Amino acid sequence: MIPVGLSIDLRHGDIMPARHYDEPVVLWRDAQGIAHAWEDRCPHRGVRLSLGFMRNDRLTCQYHGWQFDRDGHCRVIPAHPSLNPPATIRTRVYEVVEKAGMLWVDFANRGARAAIAPAQGNWYGVRSLAIRAPENETRASLVLEEGQWRLSADRLLALHTPQVGITMVHMAVSDESARLKAAQWLTHLRDTLEEIVC
């Protein structure tokens, strides 16, 4: 599973775009507090669903107002209000797990949860930061030889690559009072890496 953002950045009613190696995904949170991750493409005309809005606890495409339920099925087509949309009209749904203050998405839909950081207890999201540096350079700086995350006693660092040359680093801490200091450290890391690479 790939970490794509912080849980605190996705509140009820929020719609958040993300991508991993140019594979776009839209994340949203329903009224029950459950996070969802789908392919960021409306099955009707291919418009990005991340440009849409929430209506009746459904993600709604901005273009023609098609509404999709929690399972990704189309439930309303405004141009045909009496039509019960066929079950074949649906978005591609990805498994999403919230753990250690982060949102983890299974882009391969394999259900392999072993790739999630085994952080226990309460974790507090600090920041997600885009770094203009290749993934291998960022990995070396984070001493992250493989996988998508590194866990120390009080800090969780996780990364993903939205596109070649850009690395997103997400950070959470186990001590809420350490958030500011951790955010400053991450900003310094970004500045240093970008100065070396650029």
Protein backbone atom coordinates (compact mmCIF):
# COMPACT_ATOMS: atom_id res chain seq x y z
CA MET A 1 0.00 0.00 0.00
CA ILE A 2 1.14 3.51 -0.81
CA PRO A 3 0.84 6.49 1.60
CA VAL A 4 -0.79 9.35 -0.30
CA GLY A 5 -1.65 11.90 2.39
CA LEU A 6 -2.48 12.67 5.99
CA SER A 7 -5.78 11.74 7.61
CA ILE A 8 -6.15 15.24 9.09
CA ASP A 9 -6.13 16.71 5.57
CA LEU A 10 -9.31 14.82 4.61
CA ARG A 11 -12.35 15.97 6.58
CA HIS A 12 -15.98 15.05 5.94
CA GLY A 13 -17.06 16.59 2.67
CA ASP A 14 -13.50 17.13 1.47
CA ILE A 15 -12.32 15.87 -1.90
CA MET A 16 -8.57 15.39 -2.30
CA PRO A 17 -6.68 14.51 -5.49
CA ALA A 18 -3.48 12.49 -5.36
CA ARG A 19 -1.37 10.54 -7.81
CA HIS A 20 1.26 7.84 -7.74
CA TYR A 21 3.47 7.51 -10.82
CA ASP A 22 0.93 9.45 -12.85
CA GLU A 23 -1.95 7.22 -11.69
CA PRO A 24 -4.59 9.72 -10.49
CA VAL A 25 -6.76 8.96 -7.50
CA VAL A 26 -9.47 10.94 -5.73
CA LEU A 27 -9.97 10.61 -1.99
CA TRP A 28 -13.07 11.69 -0.11
CA ARG A 29 -14.61 11.16 3.31
CA ASP A 30 -18.26 10.28 3.84
CA ALA A 31 -20.58 11.39 6.66
CA GLN A 32 -19.66 8.29 8.70
CA GLY A 33 -16.01 9.35 8.63
CA ILE A 34 -14.90 6.60 6.25
CA ALA A 35 -12.25 7.51 3.68
CA HIS A 36 -12.68 6.35 0.08
CA ALA A 37 -10.21 6.20 -2.81
CA TRP A 38 -11.21 5.90 -6.47
CA GLU A 39 -9.70 6.36 -9.87
CA ASP A 40 -9.91 10.09 -10.54
CA ARG A 41 -12.07 9.73 -13.66
CA CYS A 42 -15.80 9.87 -14.18
CA PRO A 43 -16.92 6.83 -16.23
CA HIS A 44 -19.24 9.07 -18.27
CA ARG A 45 -16.94 11.58 -19.97
CA GLY A 46 -13.61 11.04 -18.19
CA VAL A 47 -13.67 14.29 -16.21
CA ARG A 48 -11.62 14.25 -13.01
CA LEU A 49 -13.91 13.49 -10.08
CA SER A 50 -11.57 15.51 -7.84
CA LEU A 51 -13.06 18.60 -9.54
CA GLY A 52 -16.49 17.59 -8.27
CA PHE A 53 -18.41 18.21 -5.06
CA MET A 54 -20.37 16.36 -2.39
CA ARG A 55 -24.16 16.04 -2.59
CA ASN A 56 -26.26 13.79 -0.35
CA ASP A 57 -23.07 12.09 0.88
CA ARG A 58 -22.18 11.14 -2.69
CA LEU A 59 -19.26 12.27 -4.79
CA THR A 60 -20.73 14.23 -7.69
CA CYS A 61 -19.06 14.86 -11.04
CA GLN A 62 -18.86 18.56 -11.84
CA TYR A 63 -19.51 18.08 -15.56
CA HIS A 64 -22.97 16.47 -15.73
CA GLY A 65 -23.75 15.99 -12.04
CA TRP A 66 -23.63 12.20 -11.98
CA GLN A 67 -23.61 11.06 -8.33
CA PHE A 68 -21.61 8.07 -7.08
CA ASP A 69 -22.23 6.24 -3.79
CA ARG A 70 -19.64 4.86 -1.34
CA ASP A 71 -19.14 1.74 -3.46
CA GLY A 72 -18.47 3.76 -6.61
CA HIS A 73 -21.84 2.98 -8.25
CA CYS A 74 -23.68 5.72 -10.12
CA ARG A 75 -26.96 6.43 -8.32
CA VAL A 76 -28.22 9.63 -9.95
CA ILE A 77 -28.07 10.98 -13.50
CA PRO A 78 -29.71 14.44 -13.36
CA ALA A 79 -30.56 14.50 -17.08
CA HIS A 80 -32.63 11.32 -16.53
CA PRO A 81 -34.09 11.65 -13.01
CA SER A 82 -36.40 8.63 -13.29
CA LEU A 83 -33.63 6.32 -14.56
CA ASN A 84 -32.17 3.75 -12.20
CA PRO A 85 -28.56 3.71 -13.51
CA PRO A 86 -27.25 0.25 -14.44
CA ALA A 87 -24.80 -1.39 -12.03
CA THR A 88 -22.16 -1.35 -14.75
CA ILE A 89 -21.80 2.44 -14.41
CA ARG A 90 -19.24 2.71 -11.65
CA THR A 91 -15.81 4.06 -10.81
CA ARG A 92 -12.73 1.98 -10.13
CA VAL A 93 -12.48 1.65 -6.37
CA TYR A 94 -9.19 1.23 -4.49
CA GLU A 95 -8.82 -0.08 -0.98
CA VAL A 96 -7.85 2.68 1.44
CA VAL A 97 -6.66 2.20 5.02
CA GLU A 98 -6.08 4.86 7.66
CA LYS A 99 -3.24 4.07 10.00
CA ALA A 100 -0.67 6.11 11.90
CA GLY A 101 -2.29 9.36 10.85
CA MET A 102 -1.93 8.59 7.13
CA LEU A 103 -4.06 7.44 4.20
CA TRP A 104 -2.68 4.29 2.53
CA VAL A 105 -4.04 3.25 -0.90
CA ASP A 106 -3.67 -0.14 -2.56
CA PHE A 107 -3.16 0.89 -6.21
CA ALA A 108 -2.67 -2.72 -7.29
CA ASN A 109 -5.87 -3.84 -5.51
CA ARG A 110 -3.99 -6.78 -4.04
CA GLY A 111 -5.08 -6.25 -0.45
CA ALA A 112 -1.49 -6.66 0.75
CA ARG A 113 -1.52 -4.79 4.03
CA ALA A 114 1.99 -5.79 5.08
CA ALA A 115 3.36 -2.64 3.43
CA ILE A 116 1.65 -0.38 6.00
CA ALA A 117 3.81 0.92 8.83
CA PRO A 118 3.15 -1.15 11.98
CA ALA A 119 2.79 1.97 14.14
CA GLN A 120 0.73 1.41 17.28
CA GLY A 121 -1.04 3.97 19.46
CA ASN A 122 -1.94 7.53 18.55
CA TRP A 123 -0.13 9.28 15.73
CA TYR A 124 -0.52 12.89 14.68
CA GLY A 125 -0.10 14.00 11.09
CA VAL A 126 2.52 16.72 10.74
CA ARG A 127 2.80 17.57 7.09
CA SER A 128 2.84 16.30 3.52
CA LEU A 129 5.53 17.99 1.47
CA ALA A 130 6.43 17.78 -2.22
CA ILE A 131 10.16 17.65 -2.82
CA ARG A 132 11.60 18.37 -6.27
CA ALA A 133 14.03 15.48 -6.11
CA PRO A 134 14.05 11.96 -7.54
CA GLU A 135 12.80 9.17 -5.32
CA ASN A 136 16.27 7.56 -5.00
CA GLU A 137 17.79 10.84 -3.69
CA THR A 138 14.96 11.29 -1.21
CA ARG A 139 15.25 7.67 -0.07
CA ALA A 140 18.98 8.10 0.55
CA SER A 141 18.37 11.24 2.64
CA LEU A 142 15.70 9.47 4.69
CA VAL A 143 17.83 6.32 5.03
CA LEU A 144 14.94 4.42 3.50
CA GLU A 145 16.40 1.54 1.52
CA GLU A 146 13.15 -0.14 0.46
CA GLY A 147 9.44 0.07 1.02
CA GLN A 148 7.40 3.22 1.42
CA TRP A 149 8.03 4.16 5.07
CA ARG A 150 10.50 4.38 7.94
CA LEU A 151 9.47 4.25 11.57
CA SER A 152 11.63 5.54 14.41
CA ALA A 153 10.63 5.70 18.05
CA ASP A 154 8.56 8.87 17.70
CA ARG A 155 8.48 9.71 13.99
CA LEU A 156 6.96 8.06 10.93
CA LEU A 157 8.19 9.11 7.49
CA ALA A 158 6.46 7.76 4.40
CA LEU A 159 6.80 8.62 0.74
CA HIS A 160 5.28 8.18 -2.66
CA THR A 161 6.13 9.45 -6.14
CA PRO A 162 3.36 11.37 -7.89
CA GLN A 163 5.53 11.81 -10.99
CA VAL A 164 9.13 11.26 -11.95
CA GLY A 165 11.33 13.88 -10.30
CA ILE A 166 8.85 14.72 -7.52
CA THR A 167 8.68 12.85 -4.21
CA MET A 168 5.93 13.41 -1.65
CA VAL A 169 7.04 12.89 1.95
CA HIS A 170 4.42 12.49 4.66
CA MET A 171 5.24 12.73 8.35
CA ALA A 172 3.44 11.80 11.55
CA VAL A 173 4.66 11.88 15.16
CA SER A 174 3.60 10.00 18.27
CA ASP A 175 3.96 13.09 20.49
CA GLU A 176 1.56 15.85 19.43
CA SER A 177 3.74 18.52 21.05
CA ALA A 178 6.58 17.61 18.65
CA ARG A 179 4.60 18.53 15.50
CA LEU A 180 6.10 21.99 14.96
CA LYS A 181 9.70 20.85 15.42
CA ALA A 182 9.10 17.88 13.09
CA ALA A 183 7.54 20.15 10.44
CA GLN A 184 10.57 22.45 10.59
CA TRP A 185 12.89 19.45 10.20
CA LEU A 186 10.97 18.26 7.13
CA THR A 187 11.05 21.72 5.55
CA HIS A 188 14.83 21.87 6.12
CA LEU A 189 15.21 18.43 4.52
CA ARG A 190 13.25 19.61 1.46
CA ASP A 191 15.29 22.80 1.14
CA THR A 192 18.56 20.89 1.43
CA LEU A 193 17.57 18.22 -1.08
CA GLU A 194 16.27 20.72 -3.62
CA GLU A 195 19.43 22.81 -3.31
CA ILE A 196 21.60 19.74 -3.98
CA VAL A 197 19.47 18.35 -6.83
CA CYS A 198 18.42 21.60 -8.55
